[in-house]
Amino acid sequence: MDEHSHQGLRGGAYPVPGGPAPLPDGDRVPVPVRSRRTLLRRRRFAYGVAVAVCVLVLLVVGVLR
């Protein structure tokens, strides 16, 4: 890796159009809060698995009868 000599302060950062708001110096990047949408996806997935298991059990019971 090439090293460059120090040339003083760099130019200031500028916001990108449509990007997130810049953070003030010293602030940490906030951790995104788990959205309600994620919880709904998990619940929906759990319901789907439960229905699939019920259908599979009914299918096996019907075949074995």
C-alpha atoms as a PDB file:
ATOM      1  CA  MET A   1       0.000   0.000   0.000  1.00  0.00           C
ATOM      2  CA  ASP A   2       1.395   3.383  -0.943  1.00  0.00           C
ATOM      3  CA  GLU A   3       1.643   6.044   1.714  1.00  0.00           C
ATOM      4  CA  HIS A   4       1.011   9.664   0.852  1.00  0.00           C
ATOM      5  CA  SER A   5       2.399  12.662   2.631  1.00  0.00           C
ATOM      6  CA  HIS A   6       0.030  14.670   4.800  1.00  0.00           C
ATOM      7  CA  GLN A   7      -1.331  17.612   2.826  1.00  0.00           C
ATOM      8  CA  GLY A   8      -3.452  19.338   5.444  1.00  0.00           C
ATOM      9  CA  LEU A   9      -7.165  19.143   6.027  1.00  0.00           C
ATOM     10  CA  ARG A  10      -9.372  17.526   3.467  1.00  0.00           C
ATOM     11  CA  GLY A  11     -12.446  19.217   2.084  1.00  0.00           C
ATOM     12  CA  GLY A  12     -15.613  18.934   4.096  1.00  0.00           C
ATOM     13  CA  ALA A  13     -18.123  16.205   3.420  1.00  0.00           C
ATOM     14  CA  TYR A  14     -21.220  17.122   1.526  1.00  0.00           C
ATOM     15  CA  PRO A  15     -24.621  15.416   1.637  1.00  0.00           C
ATOM     16  CA  VAL A  16     -25.585  13.105  -1.187  1.00  0.00           C
ATOM     17  CA  PRO A  17     -28.948  13.933  -2.783  1.00  0.00           C
ATOM     18  CA  GLY A  18     -31.524  11.430  -1.546  1.00  0.00           C
ATOM     19  CA  GLY A  19     -29.100  10.023   1.037  1.00  0.00           C
ATOM     20  CA  PRO A  20     -29.399   9.908   4.807  1.00  0.00           C
ATOM     21  CA  ALA A  21     -28.852  13.039   6.848  1.00  0.00           C
ATOM     22  CA  PRO A  22     -25.235  13.557   7.936  1.00  0.00           C
ATOM     23  CA  LEU A  23     -24.399  12.764  11.549  1.00  0.00           C
ATOM     24  CA  PRO A  24     -22.816  15.407  13.765  1.00  0.00           C
ATOM     25  CA  ASP A  25     -19.235  14.742  14.828  1.00  0.00           C
ATOM     26  CA  GLY A  26     -18.946  12.404  17.774  1.00  0.00           C
ATOM     27  CA  ASP A  27     -22.291  10.694  17.278  1.00  0.00           C
ATOM     28  CA  ARG A  28     -22.430   6.965  16.789  1.00  0.00           C
ATOM     29  CA  VAL A  29     -24.316   5.419  13.926  1.00  0.00           C
ATOM     30  CA  PRO A  30     -27.776   4.577  15.288  1.00  0.00           C
ATOM     31  CA  VAL A  31     -28.818   0.934  15.326  1.00  0.00           C
ATOM     32  CA  PRO A  32     -31.954   0.466  13.277  1.00  0.00           C
ATOM     33  CA  VAL A  33     -34.980  -0.380  15.386  1.00  0.00           C
ATOM     34  CA  ARG A  34     -36.537  -3.727  14.577  1.00  0.00           C
ATOM     35  CA  SER A  35     -39.606  -2.820  12.621  1.00  0.00           C
ATOM     36  CA  ARG A  36     -43.064  -4.183  13.155  1.00  0.00           C
ATOM     37  CA  ARG A  37     -42.909  -5.462   9.606  1.00  0.00           C
ATOM     38  CA  THR A  38     -40.172  -7.939  10.571  1.00  0.00           C
ATOM     39  CA  LEU A  39     -42.280  -9.269  13.423  1.00  0.00           C
ATOM     40  CA  LEU A  40     -45.231  -9.716  11.072  1.00  0.00           C
ATOM     41  CA  ARG A  41     -43.057 -11.653   8.631  1.00  0.00           C
ATOM     42  CA  ARG A  42     -41.968 -14.037  11.381  1.00  0.00           C
ATOM     43  CA  ARG A  43     -45.538 -14.541  12.537  1.00  0.00           C
ATOM     44  CA  ARG A  44     -46.676 -15.114   8.982  1.00  0.00           C
ATOM     45  CA  PHE A  45     -43.875 -17.645   8.472  1.00  0.00           C
ATOM     46  CA  ALA A  46     -44.838 -19.449  11.701  1.00  0.00           C
ATOM     47  CA  TYR A  47     -48.478 -19.643  10.590  1.00  0.00           C
ATOM     48  CA  GLY A  48     -47.377 -20.988   7.215  1.00  0.00           C
ATOM     49  CA  VAL A  49     -45.280 -23.707   8.857  1.00  0.00           C
ATOM     50  CA  ALA A  50     -48.140 -24.622  11.205  1.00  0.00           C
ATOM     51  CA  VAL A  51     -50.594 -24.923   8.298  1.00  0.00           C
ATOM     52  CA  ALA A  52     -48.094 -26.983   6.283  1.00  0.00           C
ATOM     53  CA  VAL A  53     -47.602 -29.376   9.217  1.00  0.00           C
ATOM     54  CA  CYS A  54     -51.382 -29.748   9.692  1.00  0.00           C
ATOM     55  CA  VAL A  55     -51.890 -30.452   5.988  1.00  0.00           C
ATOM     56  CA  LEU A  56     -49.049 -32.999   6.015  1.00  0.00           C
ATOM     57  CA  VAL A  57     -50.480 -34.747   9.094  1.00  0.00           C
ATOM     58  CA  LEU A  58     -53.964 -34.888   7.548  1.00  0.00           C
ATOM     59  CA  LEU A  59     -52.496 -36.218   4.308  1.00  0.00           C
ATOM     60  CA  VAL A  60     -50.566 -38.975   6.110  1.00  0.00           C
ATOM     61  CA  VAL A  61     -53.623 -39.898   8.195  1.00  0.00           C
ATOM     62  CA  GLY A  62     -55.756 -40.036   5.042  1.00  0.00           C
ATOM     63  CA  VAL A  63     -53.262 -42.249   3.214  1.00  0.00           C
ATOM     64  CA  LEU A  64     -52.817 -44.649   6.144  1.00  0.00           C
ATOM     65  CA  ARG A  65     -56.563 -45.129   6.648  1.00  0.00           C
END
